[in-house]
């Protein structure tokens, strides 16, 4: 019999180091580059870190980028385990949002992102 400790796994949640650009317009459409760590699904292989089809056809979770938990980034692309790209959504009014990345039930800490009328 295997000991329970042999079957335990620990996964790091996503971590944001920087976002570029740090602000955008209310009408959205800008491509946002997020750098950090642990943006690939936990079981992703180096062959497929995009969060789509995993080993043996398993569907792996994809990261979700939230703005104030009210809006989500469109077209999230996992460039690597440390770089995400996504398209900023249109919002109703200017705001200073908190941006966070969620993957497989784990979330990053929040980072500020300004959305302006320009």
N, C-alpha and C. Protein backbone atom coordinates (compact mmCIF):
# COMPACT_ATOMS: atom_id res chain seq x y z
N UNK A 1 0.83 -1.19 0.00
CA UNK A 1 0.00 0.00 0.00
C UNK A 1 0.88 1.26 0.00
N UNK A 2 0.43 2.29 -0.77
CA UNK A 2 1.16 3.55 -0.81
C UNK A 2 0.71 4.45 0.32
N UNK A 3 1.62 5.17 0.83
CA UNK A 3 1.27 6.14 1.86
C UNK A 3 0.54 7.32 1.23
N UNK A 4 -0.36 7.93 1.95
CA UNK A 4 -1.13 9.07 1.45
C UNK A 4 -0.22 10.20 0.99
N UNK A 5 0.86 10.41 1.66
CA UNK A 5 1.77 11.51 1.32
C UNK A 5 2.32 11.35 -0.10
N UNK A 6 2.43 10.13 -0.60
CA UNK A 6 2.93 9.91 -1.95
C UNK A 6 1.98 10.42 -3.02
N UNK A 7 0.72 10.61 -2.68
CA UNK A 7 -0.28 11.02 -3.65
C UNK A 7 -0.65 12.49 -3.57
N UNK A 8 0.04 13.26 -2.75
CA UNK A 8 -0.29 14.67 -2.59
C UNK A 8 0.50 15.50 -3.59
N UNK A 9 -0.15 16.51 -4.17
CA UNK A 9 0.49 17.42 -5.10
C UNK A 9 0.17 18.84 -4.67
N UNK A 10 1.07 19.75 -4.94
CA UNK A 10 0.84 21.15 -4.65
C UNK A 10 1.08 21.94 -5.92
N UNK A 11 0.14 22.82 -6.26
CA UNK A 11 0.28 23.66 -7.43
C UNK A 11 0.29 25.12 -7.00
N UNK A 12 1.17 25.90 -7.62
CA UNK A 12 1.22 27.33 -7.35
C UNK A 12 0.11 28.02 -8.12
N UNK A 13 -0.50 29.00 -7.51
CA UNK A 13 -1.46 29.84 -8.23
C UNK A 13 -0.72 30.82 -9.11
N UNK A 14 -1.40 31.39 -10.10
CA UNK A 14 -0.75 32.35 -10.98
C UNK A 14 -0.24 33.56 -10.19
N UNK A 15 0.85 34.13 -10.66
CA UNK A 15 1.44 35.31 -10.02
C UNK A 15 1.69 36.36 -11.09
N UNK A 16 1.20 37.59 -10.86
CA UNK A 16 1.40 38.69 -11.79
C UNK A 16 2.61 39.49 -11.36
N UNK A 17 3.51 39.72 -12.31
CA UNK A 17 4.68 40.57 -12.04
C UNK A 17 4.45 41.96 -12.64
N UNK A 18 3.90 42.02 -13.88
CA UNK A 18 3.66 43.32 -14.51
C UNK A 18 2.58 43.19 -15.57
N UNK A 19 1.98 44.32 -15.92
CA UNK A 19 1.02 44.38 -17.02
C UNK A 19 1.40 45.54 -17.93
N UNK A 20 1.21 45.35 -19.22
CA UNK A 20 1.59 46.36 -20.19
C UNK A 20 0.57 46.39 -21.31
N UNK A 21 -0.03 47.50 -21.64
CA UNK A 21 0.07 48.80 -20.97
C UNK A 21 -0.65 48.77 -19.61
N UNK A 22 -0.41 49.79 -18.80
CA UNK A 22 -1.01 49.81 -17.46
C UNK A 22 -2.39 50.46 -17.44
N UNK A 23 -2.84 50.95 -18.60
CA UNK A 23 -4.16 51.57 -18.70
C UNK A 23 -4.67 51.43 -20.13
N UNK A 24 -5.98 51.56 -20.29
CA UNK A 24 -6.59 51.45 -21.61
C UNK A 24 -7.85 52.30 -21.68
N UNK A 25 -8.54 52.24 -22.83
CA UNK A 25 -9.73 53.04 -23.07
C UNK A 25 -10.99 52.24 -22.78
N UNK A 26 -12.10 52.94 -22.48
CA UNK A 26 -13.35 52.29 -22.13
C UNK A 26 -13.90 51.43 -23.27
N UNK A 27 -13.57 51.76 -24.51
CA UNK A 27 -14.11 50.98 -25.63
C UNK A 27 -13.36 49.67 -25.84
N UNK A 28 -12.30 49.42 -25.05
CA UNK A 28 -11.59 48.14 -25.09
C UNK A 28 -10.84 47.91 -26.39
N UNK A 29 -10.46 46.66 -26.60
CA UNK A 29 -9.78 46.27 -27.82
C UNK A 29 -8.27 46.26 -27.76
N UNK A 30 -7.68 46.84 -26.71
CA UNK A 30 -6.22 46.83 -26.59
C UNK A 30 -5.73 45.45 -26.20
N UNK A 31 -4.56 45.08 -26.71
CA UNK A 31 -3.94 43.81 -26.30
C UNK A 31 -3.12 44.06 -25.05
N UNK A 32 -3.39 43.31 -24.03
CA UNK A 32 -2.73 43.43 -22.74
C UNK A 32 -1.72 42.29 -22.62
N UNK A 33 -0.51 42.61 -22.21
CA UNK A 33 0.51 41.59 -21.95
C UNK A 33 0.73 41.52 -20.45
N UNK A 34 0.54 40.33 -19.89
CA UNK A 34 0.70 40.10 -18.46
C UNK A 34 1.90 39.19 -18.27
N UNK A 35 2.86 39.63 -17.50
CA UNK A 35 4.01 38.78 -17.21
C UNK A 35 3.97 38.35 -15.75
N UNK A 36 4.49 37.18 -15.48
CA UNK A 36 4.50 36.64 -14.12
C UNK A 36 4.95 35.20 -14.13
N UNK A 37 4.25 34.37 -13.39
CA UNK A 37 4.61 32.95 -13.27
C UNK A 37 3.36 32.10 -13.14
N UNK A 38 3.49 30.84 -13.52
CA UNK A 38 2.47 29.80 -13.31
C UNK A 38 1.17 30.08 -14.07
N UNK A 39 1.29 30.50 -15.35
CA UNK A 39 0.11 30.76 -16.18
C UNK A 39 -0.34 29.54 -16.96
N UNK A 40 0.47 28.49 -17.01
CA UNK A 40 0.09 27.26 -17.71
C UNK A 40 -0.68 26.36 -16.77
N UNK A 41 -1.59 25.55 -17.31
CA UNK A 41 -2.32 24.60 -16.46
C UNK A 41 -1.34 23.66 -15.76
N UNK A 42 -1.67 23.20 -14.56
CA UNK A 42 -0.77 22.35 -13.79
C UNK A 42 -0.26 21.12 -14.52
N UNK A 43 -1.07 20.49 -15.35
CA UNK A 43 -0.65 19.26 -16.03
C UNK A 43 -0.20 19.50 -17.46
N UNK A 44 -0.02 20.78 -17.86
CA UNK A 44 0.37 21.06 -19.25
C UNK A 44 1.77 20.53 -19.52
N UNK A 45 1.95 20.06 -20.72
CA UNK A 45 3.27 19.61 -21.14
C UNK A 45 3.94 20.74 -21.87
N UNK A 46 5.24 20.65 -22.09
CA UNK A 46 5.93 21.69 -22.84
C UNK A 46 5.45 21.73 -24.28
N UNK A 47 4.87 20.64 -24.76
CA UNK A 47 4.36 20.58 -26.12
C UNK A 47 3.08 21.43 -26.26
N UNK A 48 2.26 21.50 -25.21
CA UNK A 48 1.02 22.25 -25.27
C UNK A 48 0.78 22.97 -23.95
N UNK A 49 1.25 24.21 -23.85
CA UNK A 49 1.04 25.01 -22.65
C UNK A 49 -0.14 25.95 -22.81
N UNK A 50 -0.90 25.82 -23.89
CA UNK A 50 -1.97 26.77 -24.17
C UNK A 50 -3.21 26.55 -23.33
N UNK A 51 -3.33 25.43 -22.66
CA UNK A 51 -4.49 25.18 -21.85
C UNK A 51 -5.62 24.53 -22.62
N UNK A 52 -5.36 23.99 -23.77
CA UNK A 52 -6.39 23.33 -24.55
C UNK A 52 -6.34 21.84 -24.35
N UNK A 53 -5.88 21.14 -25.36
CA UNK A 53 -5.77 19.69 -25.26
C UNK A 53 -4.51 19.31 -24.52
N UNK A 54 -4.65 18.53 -23.52
CA UNK A 54 -3.51 18.12 -22.73
C UNK A 54 -3.08 16.72 -23.10
N UNK A 55 -2.26 16.10 -22.29
CA UNK A 55 -1.82 14.75 -22.55
C UNK A 55 -3.02 13.80 -22.60
N UNK A 56 -2.98 12.88 -23.51
CA UNK A 56 -4.05 11.87 -23.65
C UNK A 56 -5.42 12.49 -23.88
N UNK A 57 -5.48 13.66 -24.53
CA UNK A 57 -6.74 14.27 -24.88
C UNK A 57 -7.49 14.90 -23.72
N UNK A 58 -6.85 15.06 -22.57
CA UNK A 58 -7.51 15.66 -21.40
C UNK A 58 -7.63 17.17 -21.64
N UNK A 59 -8.82 17.72 -21.42
CA UNK A 59 -9.00 19.16 -21.53
C UNK A 59 -8.49 19.84 -20.27
N UNK A 60 -7.47 20.67 -20.44
CA UNK A 60 -6.87 21.36 -19.31
C UNK A 60 -7.53 22.72 -19.12
N UNK A 61 -7.57 23.22 -17.89
CA UNK A 61 -8.19 24.53 -17.66
C UNK A 61 -7.39 25.64 -18.33
N UNK A 62 -8.09 26.70 -18.69
CA UNK A 62 -7.45 27.87 -19.29
C UNK A 62 -7.50 29.02 -18.29
N UNK A 63 -6.49 29.87 -18.30
CA UNK A 63 -6.53 31.02 -17.39
C UNK A 63 -7.63 31.99 -17.79
N UNK A 64 -8.20 32.66 -16.79
CA UNK A 64 -9.20 33.69 -16.99
C UNK A 64 -8.66 34.97 -16.36
N UNK A 65 -8.75 36.09 -17.10
CA UNK A 65 -8.29 37.38 -16.60
C UNK A 65 -9.51 38.21 -16.24
N UNK A 66 -9.62 38.58 -14.96
CA UNK A 66 -10.76 39.34 -14.47
C UNK A 66 -10.38 40.79 -14.20
N UNK A 67 -11.33 41.70 -14.46
CA UNK A 67 -11.24 43.10 -14.07
C UNK A 67 -12.36 43.33 -13.06
N UNK A 68 -12.01 43.57 -11.81
CA UNK A 68 -13.00 43.81 -10.74
C UNK A 68 -14.06 42.72 -10.64
N UNK A 69 -13.78 41.53 -11.07
CA UNK A 69 -14.73 40.42 -11.05
C UNK A 69 -16.01 40.72 -11.83
N UNK A 70 -16.05 41.85 -12.56
CA UNK A 70 -17.22 42.21 -13.36
C UNK A 70 -17.00 41.98 -14.85
N UNK A 71 -15.76 42.05 -15.29
CA UNK A 71 -15.41 41.92 -16.70
C UNK A 71 -14.32 40.87 -16.85
N UNK A 72 -14.26 40.26 -18.02
CA UNK A 72 -13.20 39.29 -18.32
C UNK A 72 -12.51 39.69 -19.61
N UNK A 73 -11.20 39.46 -19.65
CA UNK A 73 -10.43 39.67 -20.86
C UNK A 73 -10.91 38.68 -21.93
N UNK A 74 -10.90 39.12 -23.19
CA UNK A 74 -11.25 38.25 -24.30
C UNK A 74 -9.99 37.65 -24.90
N UNK A 75 -10.14 36.56 -25.60
CA UNK A 75 -9.06 35.94 -26.38
C UNK A 75 -7.77 35.76 -25.56
N UNK A 76 -7.88 35.14 -24.40
CA UNK A 76 -6.71 34.91 -23.55
C UNK A 76 -5.80 33.88 -24.23
N UNK A 77 -4.54 34.25 -24.40
CA UNK A 77 -3.55 33.39 -25.04
C UNK A 77 -2.40 33.15 -24.08
N UNK A 78 -2.08 31.88 -23.81
CA UNK A 78 -0.93 31.54 -22.99
C UNK A 78 0.27 31.48 -23.92
N UNK A 79 1.13 32.50 -23.86
CA UNK A 79 2.33 32.53 -24.68
C UNK A 79 3.37 31.59 -24.11
N UNK A 80 3.50 31.61 -22.79
CA UNK A 80 4.41 30.72 -22.07
C UNK A 80 3.92 30.64 -20.63
N UNK A 81 4.62 29.91 -19.81
CA UNK A 81 4.25 29.81 -18.40
C UNK A 81 4.36 31.16 -17.69
N UNK A 82 5.08 32.12 -18.31
CA UNK A 82 5.29 33.41 -17.67
C UNK A 82 4.70 34.60 -18.44
N UNK A 83 4.02 34.35 -19.58
CA UNK A 83 3.44 35.45 -20.36
C UNK A 83 2.04 35.08 -20.85
N UNK A 84 1.09 35.98 -20.57
CA UNK A 84 -0.28 35.88 -21.10
C UNK A 84 -0.54 37.10 -21.96
N UNK A 85 -1.34 36.93 -22.99
CA UNK A 85 -1.84 38.05 -23.78
C UNK A 85 -3.35 37.92 -23.84
N UNK A 86 -4.05 39.06 -23.80
CA UNK A 86 -5.50 39.04 -23.92
C UNK A 86 -5.97 40.38 -24.44
N UNK A 87 -7.23 40.42 -24.88
CA UNK A 87 -7.83 41.65 -25.39
C UNK A 87 -8.72 42.23 -24.30
N UNK A 88 -8.47 43.50 -23.97
CA UNK A 88 -9.20 44.19 -22.91
C UNK A 88 -10.65 44.40 -23.36
N UNK A 89 -11.62 44.08 -22.50
CA UNK A 89 -13.03 44.25 -22.87
C UNK A 89 -13.47 45.71 -22.80
N UNK A 90 -14.55 46.02 -23.50
CA UNK A 90 -15.18 47.33 -23.36
C UNK A 90 -15.89 47.38 -22.00
N UNK A 91 -15.88 48.55 -21.38
CA UNK A 91 -16.56 48.73 -20.10
C UNK A 91 -17.54 49.90 -20.21
N UNK A 92 -18.43 50.01 -19.25
CA UNK A 92 -19.49 51.02 -19.29
C UNK A 92 -19.00 52.43 -18.99
N UNK A 93 -18.00 52.56 -18.10
CA UNK A 93 -17.53 53.88 -17.68
C UNK A 93 -16.08 53.78 -17.23
N UNK A 94 -15.36 54.91 -17.18
CA UNK A 94 -13.97 54.88 -16.69
C UNK A 94 -13.91 54.33 -15.27
N UNK A 95 -12.85 53.61 -14.97
CA UNK A 95 -12.67 53.07 -13.63
C UNK A 95 -11.22 52.67 -13.42
N UNK A 96 -10.86 52.56 -12.17
CA UNK A 96 -9.59 51.96 -11.81
C UNK A 96 -9.93 50.56 -11.33
N UNK A 97 -9.60 49.59 -12.15
CA UNK A 97 -9.98 48.21 -11.88
C UNK A 97 -8.84 47.47 -11.21
N UNK A 98 -9.19 46.39 -10.55
CA UNK A 98 -8.18 45.46 -10.08
C UNK A 98 -8.20 44.26 -11.02
N UNK A 99 -7.07 43.91 -11.51
CA UNK A 99 -6.93 42.81 -12.46
C UNK A 99 -6.34 41.61 -11.72
N UNK A 100 -6.88 40.43 -12.00
CA UNK A 100 -6.32 39.21 -11.43
C UNK A 100 -6.45 38.09 -12.44
N UNK A 101 -5.59 37.09 -12.31
CA UNK A 101 -5.61 35.92 -13.17
C UNK A 101 -6.05 34.73 -12.33
N UNK A 102 -6.97 33.94 -12.87
CA UNK A 102 -7.47 32.74 -12.20
C UNK A 102 -7.19 31.53 -13.09
N UNK A 103 -6.72 30.45 -12.49
CA UNK A 103 -6.43 29.23 -13.23
C UNK A 103 -6.69 28.04 -12.32
N UNK A 104 -7.55 27.16 -12.75
CA UNK A 104 -7.84 25.91 -12.03
C UNK A 104 -8.21 26.16 -10.57
N UNK A 105 -9.00 27.20 -10.32
CA UNK A 105 -9.45 27.48 -8.97
C UNK A 105 -8.47 28.27 -8.11
N UNK A 106 -7.31 28.60 -8.65
CA UNK A 106 -6.32 29.39 -7.92
C UNK A 106 -6.23 30.77 -8.56
N UNK A 107 -6.12 31.82 -7.74
CA UNK A 107 -6.08 33.18 -8.27
C UNK A 107 -4.82 33.91 -7.84
N UNK A 108 -4.41 34.84 -8.70
CA UNK A 108 -3.27 35.70 -8.37
C UNK A 108 -3.73 36.79 -7.42
N UNK A 109 -2.78 37.53 -6.88
CA UNK A 109 -3.14 38.75 -6.17
C UNK A 109 -3.57 39.77 -7.21
N UNK A 110 -4.24 40.82 -6.79
CA UNK A 110 -4.77 41.81 -7.72
C UNK A 110 -3.74 42.89 -8.02
N UNK A 111 -3.82 43.42 -9.26
CA UNK A 111 -2.95 44.51 -9.71
C UNK A 111 -3.87 45.58 -10.28
N UNK A 112 -3.55 46.86 -10.04
CA UNK A 112 -4.38 47.94 -10.55
C UNK A 112 -4.25 48.13 -12.04
N UNK A 113 -5.37 48.48 -12.70
CA UNK A 113 -5.41 48.75 -14.13
C UNK A 113 -6.41 49.87 -14.35
N UNK A 114 -5.97 50.96 -14.99
CA UNK A 114 -6.84 52.11 -15.22
C UNK A 114 -7.55 52.00 -16.57
N UNK A 115 -8.85 52.31 -16.58
CA UNK A 115 -9.61 52.34 -17.82
C UNK A 115 -10.18 53.74 -17.96
N UNK A 116 -9.78 54.43 -19.05
CA UNK A 116 -10.07 55.86 -19.22
C UNK A 116 -10.94 56.11 -20.46
N UNK A 117 -11.37 57.36 -20.63
CA UNK A 117 -12.20 57.74 -21.78
C UNK A 117 -11.41 57.92 -23.06
N UNK A 118 -10.12 57.91 -23.05
CA UNK A 118 -9.36 58.14 -24.28
C UNK A 118 -9.38 56.94 -25.06
